[in-house]
Amino acid sequence: MIIPTHLQIEPINGVCTARCTMCAFPTWTRKPYRMTQRDFKTILEKFLPYCDHLQYLSLQGFGESLLDEMLVGKVALAKFMGFKGIGFATNCSELSWKKSKELLEAGLDTLICSVDGLTPETHEAIRIGLNLDKILKNILWFMLQRTLGGSRAKVIIRFIKQKSNIHEWEQFKWWWEKQIDPSYGDQVVSFDIVDCEGKVKDYKDKDVLGDVDVPCVCDQLYSRMIVLSNGDVALCCADDNGRFNIGNVLESDPIEIYNGEVFTRYRRLMEEGRIGELELCNTCTIPRSQMMKDKVGE
């Protein structure tokens, strides 16, 4: 029986403060929905028997997590129940001084900050609707807050590398390396832009991937379990619309779902080298992006 080491719960879906050029937002079909505190607690209770096995709990999905006004309460509850590695990715547009303080006091372990340029011209052309100066101020405030409050939260600066910003990566990495603190485990990382099923407009024009030998087995199906805001289970992080009807953790045992027919079939065909027969996987570039990861810090 396979038990995930990474649990991802989507607190809110379908809403965001940005319209990023590499995001599949235009293809999302699920109606916006915020997971209730009651459902969140029920889901955590279902995973409690596996809490020691879980290394990470990510409170993110297909939307901007900070738009969930109950996110701080979700972080606090998960910490109280003993879950480890609690964090989320954000574009940082809503990361105010007050919100930073509340998240750190709630016990947040990791904040992943999406920043895709060193200059406003580059970042704001990719993450449309955002203001880089505000984003940088919010991140630096968060770092100051953790120092003042005695938190040990880790900050990861994540850069999505593509043709429009690759020229800034080396200088970006150098600049952020001066801001982060290795004693907290901070990192600056880059991943190449990804696509699945042609959802990203003009992906080939944005693609910076080189020729690499990509494994036929995707680690996500063995390590990460993604629960959408209504309790449905997604196949992986590319399954933004939850198309497979795999099961709902509010109604069934989550580990039985994770070892059910759909996951088992996908793992078996991958192991047989038949990934090309699998819906989503046969067009997904996420494993290639993982192989092109570059990072400093930690």
Protein backbone atom coordinates (compact mmCIF):
# COMPACT_ATOMS: atom_id res chain seq x y z
CA MET A 1 0.00 0.00 0.00
CA ILE A 2 1.37 3.40 -1.00
CA ILE A 3 1.03 6.27 1.46
CA PRO A 4 1.86 9.78 0.22
CA THR A 5 4.56 11.80 1.90
CA HIS A 6 3.10 15.07 0.60
CA LEU A 7 -0.53 16.07 1.17
CA GLN A 8 -1.82 19.04 -0.78
CA ILE A 9 -5.19 20.52 0.19
CA GLU A 10 -6.72 23.27 -1.93
CA PRO A 11 -8.22 25.92 0.38
CA ILE A 12 -9.80 27.94 -2.42
CA ASN A 13 -10.06 27.55 -6.18
CA GLY A 14 -10.84 29.58 -9.25
CA VAL A 15 -9.87 33.02 -7.95
CA CYS A 16 -6.59 34.88 -8.34
CA THR A 17 -5.21 38.42 -8.31
CA ALA A 18 -3.08 37.83 -11.41
CA ARG A 19 -3.50 36.52 -14.95
CA CYS A 20 -0.15 34.88 -15.57
CA THR A 21 0.79 34.19 -19.16
CA MET A 22 1.88 30.60 -18.40
CA CYS A 23 -1.18 29.70 -16.32
CA ALA A 24 -4.00 27.46 -17.51
CA PHE A 25 -6.56 29.71 -15.80
CA PRO A 26 -8.66 30.22 -18.99
CA THR A 27 -9.28 26.46 -19.15
CA TRP A 28 -10.48 26.02 -15.55
CA THR A 29 -14.06 24.78 -15.45
CA ARG A 30 -14.71 24.30 -11.73
CA LYS A 31 -16.75 27.02 -10.04
CA PRO A 32 -14.86 29.09 -7.44
CA TYR A 33 -15.25 27.56 -3.99
CA ARG A 34 -13.63 27.99 -0.58
CA MET A 35 -13.19 24.89 1.55
CA THR A 36 -15.03 25.29 4.85
CA GLN A 37 -13.20 24.99 8.14
CA ARG A 38 -15.41 22.03 9.02
CA ASP A 39 -14.47 20.13 5.86
CA PHE A 40 -10.81 21.03 6.33
CA LYS A 41 -10.87 19.63 9.87
CA THR A 42 -12.63 16.47 8.69
CA ILE A 43 -9.99 15.91 6.02
CA LEU A 44 -7.12 16.42 8.47
CA GLU A 45 -8.75 13.94 10.85
CA LYS A 46 -8.84 11.36 8.07
CA PHE A 47 -5.10 11.80 7.55
CA LEU A 48 -4.20 11.78 11.24
CA PRO A 49 -3.31 8.04 11.24
CA TYR A 50 -0.68 8.85 8.59
CA CYS A 51 0.52 12.13 10.12
CA ASP A 52 3.95 10.76 11.06
CA HIS A 53 4.47 9.53 7.49
CA LEU A 54 3.52 12.87 5.91
CA GLN A 55 6.45 15.23 5.48
CA TYR A 56 4.63 18.15 3.87
CA LEU A 57 1.19 19.73 3.98
CA SER A 58 0.67 22.28 1.19
CA LEU A 59 -2.36 24.56 1.40
CA GLN A 60 -2.59 25.49 -2.25
CA GLY A 61 -4.27 24.52 -5.47
CA PHE A 62 -5.75 26.21 -8.48
CA GLY A 63 -6.19 29.71 -7.12
CA GLU A 64 -4.44 32.23 -4.87
CA SER A 65 -4.41 30.76 -1.37
CA LEU A 66 -4.22 34.14 0.38
CA LEU A 67 -7.69 34.97 -0.97
CA ASP A 68 -9.06 32.44 1.51
CA GLU A 69 -9.85 34.63 4.51
CA MET A 70 -9.72 31.53 6.73
CA LEU A 71 -6.24 30.45 5.61
CA VAL A 72 -4.60 31.51 8.89
CA GLY A 73 -7.11 29.40 10.80
CA LYS A 74 -6.38 26.42 8.56
CA VAL A 75 -2.64 26.77 9.18
CA ALA A 76 -3.19 27.03 12.95
CA LEU A 77 -5.47 23.99 13.02
CA ALA A 78 -3.06 21.85 11.02
CA LYS A 79 -0.19 22.86 13.29
CA PHE A 80 -2.27 22.12 16.40
CA MET A 81 -3.10 18.65 15.04
CA GLY A 82 0.58 17.86 14.55
CA PHE A 83 1.07 18.13 10.79
CA LYS A 84 4.58 18.97 9.58
CA GLY A 85 5.98 21.04 6.73
CA ILE A 86 2.95 23.34 6.47
CA GLY A 87 3.29 25.81 3.63
CA PHE A 88 1.90 27.18 0.39
CA ALA A 89 2.86 28.95 -2.81
CA THR A 90 1.63 32.48 -3.47
CA ASN A 91 2.11 35.41 -5.83
CA CYS A 92 2.48 37.51 -2.63
CA SER A 93 0.12 40.27 -3.77
CA GLU A 94 -1.99 39.83 -0.61
CA LEU A 95 0.91 39.17 1.77
CA SER A 96 0.43 42.21 4.01
CA TRP A 97 2.40 42.94 7.18
CA LYS A 98 -0.64 41.88 9.24
CA LYS A 99 -1.17 38.68 7.25
CA SER A 100 2.51 37.78 7.54
CA LYS A 101 2.40 38.19 11.32
CA GLU A 102 -0.75 36.08 11.60
CA LEU A 103 0.60 33.28 9.41
CA LEU A 104 3.87 33.10 11.30
CA GLU A 105 2.10 33.10 14.66
CA ALA A 106 -0.17 30.31 13.37
CA GLY A 107 2.90 28.15 12.76
CA LEU A 108 3.57 28.36 9.02
CA ASP A 109 6.70 26.40 8.10
CA THR A 110 7.31 27.37 4.47
CA LEU A 111 6.34 30.21 2.17
CA ILE A 112 6.95 29.76 -1.58
CA CYS A 113 7.04 33.15 -3.30
CA SER A 114 6.45 33.25 -7.05
CA VAL A 115 8.63 35.97 -8.58
CA ASP A 116 9.49 35.82 -12.28
CA GLY A 117 11.71 38.79 -12.92
CA LEU A 118 14.24 41.14 -11.43
CA THR A 119 12.69 44.16 -13.13
CA PRO A 120 9.06 45.34 -13.16
CA GLU A 121 9.03 45.19 -16.96
CA THR A 122 9.80 41.47 -16.95
CA HIS A 123 7.83 40.29 -13.91
CA GLU A 124 4.70 42.31 -14.64
CA ALA A 125 4.60 41.22 -18.29
CA ILE A 126 4.43 37.60 -17.09
CA ARG A 127 2.31 38.01 -13.95
CA ILE A 128 -0.21 40.44 -15.38
CA GLY A 129 -2.02 42.57 -12.81
CA LEU A 130 0.72 42.54 -10.18
CA ASN A 131 3.17 45.19 -9.04
CA LEU A 132 6.73 43.99 -8.49
CA ASP A 133 7.64 46.74 -6.01
CA LYS A 134 4.71 45.73 -3.81
CA ILE A 135 5.60 42.03 -4.13
CA LEU A 136 9.20 42.62 -3.07
CA LYS A 137 8.13 44.78 -0.13
CA ASN A 138 5.68 42.10 1.03
CA ILE A 139 8.30 39.33 0.89
CA LEU A 140 10.93 41.38 2.74
CA TRP A 141 8.32 42.31 5.35
CA PHE A 142 7.57 38.62 5.84
CA MET A 143 11.27 37.90 6.38
CA LEU A 144 11.50 40.72 8.90
CA GLN A 145 8.40 39.49 10.70
CA ARG A 146 9.83 36.00 11.15
CA THR A 147 12.99 37.49 12.66
CA LEU A 148 11.06 39.73 15.02
CA GLY A 149 8.69 36.95 16.01
CA GLY A 150 11.24 34.18 16.43
CA SER A 151 9.72 31.97 13.72
CA ARG A 152 11.82 29.39 11.86
CA ALA A 153 9.73 29.57 8.68
CA LYS A 154 11.58 28.91 5.43
CA VAL A 155 11.20 31.18 2.38
CA ILE A 156 11.57 29.81 -1.14
CA ILE A 157 11.79 32.29 -4.01
CA ARG A 158 10.48 30.46 -7.10
CA PHE A 159 11.27 31.63 -10.62
CA ILE A 160 9.47 30.10 -13.62
CA LYS A 161 12.11 30.23 -16.34
CA GLN A 162 10.98 31.04 -19.88
CA LYS A 163 12.25 32.90 -22.91
CA SER A 164 10.93 36.26 -21.72
CA ASN A 165 12.86 36.19 -18.43
CA ILE A 166 15.74 33.75 -18.80
CA HIS A 167 18.12 36.64 -19.44
CA GLU A 168 17.53 37.84 -15.86
CA TRP A 169 17.95 34.51 -14.08
CA GLU A 170 21.63 34.75 -13.13
CA GLN A 171 21.33 38.30 -11.82
CA PHE A 172 18.00 37.44 -10.18
CA LYS A 173 19.62 34.50 -8.40
CA TRP A 174 22.54 36.67 -7.27
CA TRP A 175 20.26 39.44 -5.93
CA TRP A 176 17.97 37.10 -4.03
CA GLU A 177 20.87 35.14 -2.61
CA LYS A 178 21.78 38.37 -0.80
CA GLN A 179 18.27 38.65 0.69
CA ILE A 180 17.63 35.11 1.88
CA ASP A 181 19.05 33.57 5.04
CA PRO A 182 20.51 30.04 4.75
CA SER A 183 20.14 29.56 8.51
CA TYR A 184 16.37 29.32 7.93
CA GLY A 185 16.79 26.94 5.00
CA ASP A 186 15.83 29.65 2.50
CA GLN A 187 16.25 28.89 -1.20
CA VAL A 188 16.09 30.51 -4.62
CA VAL A 189 14.91 28.00 -7.21
CA SER A 190 13.98 27.99 -10.88
CA PHE A 191 11.85 25.60 -12.89
CA ASP A 192 11.32 25.69 -16.62
CA ILE A 193 7.83 26.65 -17.76
CA VAL A 194 5.47 23.68 -18.08
CA ASP A 195 2.47 22.74 -20.17
CA CYS A 196 -0.07 19.92 -20.32
CA GLU A 197 -2.52 19.26 -23.14
CA GLY A 198 -1.64 22.54 -24.83
CA LYS A 199 -3.39 24.63 -22.15
CA VAL A 200 -0.69 27.29 -22.03
CA LYS A 201 -1.15 29.72 -24.90
CA ASP A 202 1.86 29.90 -27.23
CA TYR A 203 3.74 27.47 -24.99
CA LYS A 204 6.22 26.51 -27.69
CA ASP A 205 7.18 30.15 -28.09
CA LYS A 206 7.77 30.39 -24.32
CA ASP A 207 9.51 27.00 -23.97
CA VAL A 208 13.14 27.07 -22.83
CA LEU A 209 13.55 23.36 -22.20
CA GLY A 210 16.60 21.62 -23.58
CA ASP A 211 16.90 18.03 -24.72
CA VAL A 212 17.01 15.88 -21.59
CA ASP A 213 16.29 12.24 -20.86
CA VAL A 214 12.98 12.32 -19.03
CA PRO A 215 12.00 9.44 -16.73
CA CYS A 216 8.90 7.47 -17.68
CA VAL A 217 7.70 7.44 -14.07
CA CYS A 218 6.34 10.62 -12.50
CA ASP A 219 7.14 10.83 -8.80
CA GLN A 220 3.93 12.74 -8.09
CA LEU A 221 1.81 9.60 -8.34
CA TYR A 222 3.87 7.98 -5.59
CA SER A 223 4.47 10.85 -3.21
CA ARG A 224 1.79 13.56 -3.48
CA MET A 225 -1.95 13.41 -2.92
CA ILE A 226 -4.00 16.42 -3.99
CA VAL A 227 -7.38 17.15 -2.42
CA LEU A 228 -9.48 19.79 -4.15
CA SER A 229 -11.59 22.37 -2.30
CA ASN A 230 -14.74 20.20 -2.38
CA GLY A 231 -12.90 17.09 -1.16
CA ASP A 232 -12.43 15.47 -4.57
CA VAL A 233 -9.05 13.91 -5.30
CA ALA A 234 -7.09 15.10 -8.33
CA LEU A 235 -4.73 12.79 -10.18
CA CYS A 236 -1.83 15.25 -9.95
CA CYS A 237 -1.01 18.95 -10.12
CA ALA A 238 -1.84 18.99 -13.85
CA ASP A 239 -5.40 17.78 -13.17
CA ASP A 240 -6.76 21.26 -12.50
CA ASN A 241 -10.37 20.38 -13.29
CA GLY A 242 -10.48 17.09 -11.36
CA ARG A 243 -11.64 15.18 -14.41
CA PHE A 244 -11.06 11.59 -13.32
CA ASN A 245 -13.76 11.17 -10.65
CA ILE A 246 -11.24 9.29 -8.49
CA GLY A 247 -13.06 9.75 -5.20
CA ASN A 248 -13.85 12.21 -2.44
CA VAL A 249 -11.98 12.12 0.88
CA LEU A 250 -15.00 13.48 2.75
CA GLU A 251 -16.87 10.33 1.76
CA SER A 252 -14.14 7.65 1.57
CA ASP A 253 -10.84 6.61 3.10
CA PRO A 254 -8.12 8.72 1.43
CA ILE A 255 -5.49 5.98 1.38
CA GLU A 256 -7.92 3.56 -0.26
CA ILE A 257 -8.49 6.21 -2.94
CA TYR A 258 -4.73 6.69 -3.38
CA ASN A 259 -4.37 2.96 -3.93
CA GLY A 260 -7.51 2.65 -6.05
CA GLU A 261 -8.02 1.70 -9.67
CA VAL A 262 -7.00 4.97 -11.36
CA PHE A 263 -3.76 5.49 -9.45
CA THR A 264 -2.85 1.82 -9.69
CA ARG A 265 -3.35 1.78 -13.46
CA TYR A 266 -1.30 4.91 -13.99
CA ARG A 267 1.57 3.61 -11.88
CA ARG A 268 1.55 0.23 -13.60
CA LEU A 269 1.63 1.64 -17.13
CA MET A 270 4.36 4.09 -16.17
CA GLU A 271 6.46 1.28 -14.77
CA GLU A 272 5.91 -0.65 -18.01
CA GLY A 273 7.22 2.31 -20.01
CA ARG A 274 3.79 3.08 -21.46
CA ILE A 275 3.39 6.64 -20.24
CA GLY A 276 2.44 7.67 -23.77
CA GLU A 277 -0.87 5.83 -23.34
CA LEU A 278 -1.90 7.87 -20.31
CA GLU A 279 -4.22 10.85 -20.53
CA LEU A 280 -2.54 14.02 -19.19
CA CYS A 281 0.84 12.30 -18.78
CA ASN A 282 1.37 11.90 -22.52
CA THR A 283 1.45 15.69 -23.00
CA CYS A 284 2.84 16.82 -19.63
CA THR A 285 6.23 18.53 -19.34
CA ILE A 286 6.35 18.71 -15.54
CA PRO A 287 8.89 15.84 -15.15
CA ARG A 288 11.17 17.60 -17.66
CA SER A 289 10.88 20.85 -15.72
CA GLN A 290 11.80 19.08 -12.49
CA MET A 291 14.97 17.79 -14.13
CA MET A 292 15.96 21.31 -15.17
CA LYS A 293 15.62 22.68 -11.61
CA ASP A 294 18.30 25.12 -10.51
CA LYS A 295 18.65 26.38 -6.95
CA VAL A 296 20.81 28.15 -4.41
CA GLY A 297 20.53 28.19 -0.64
CA GLU A 298 19.20 25.67 1.89
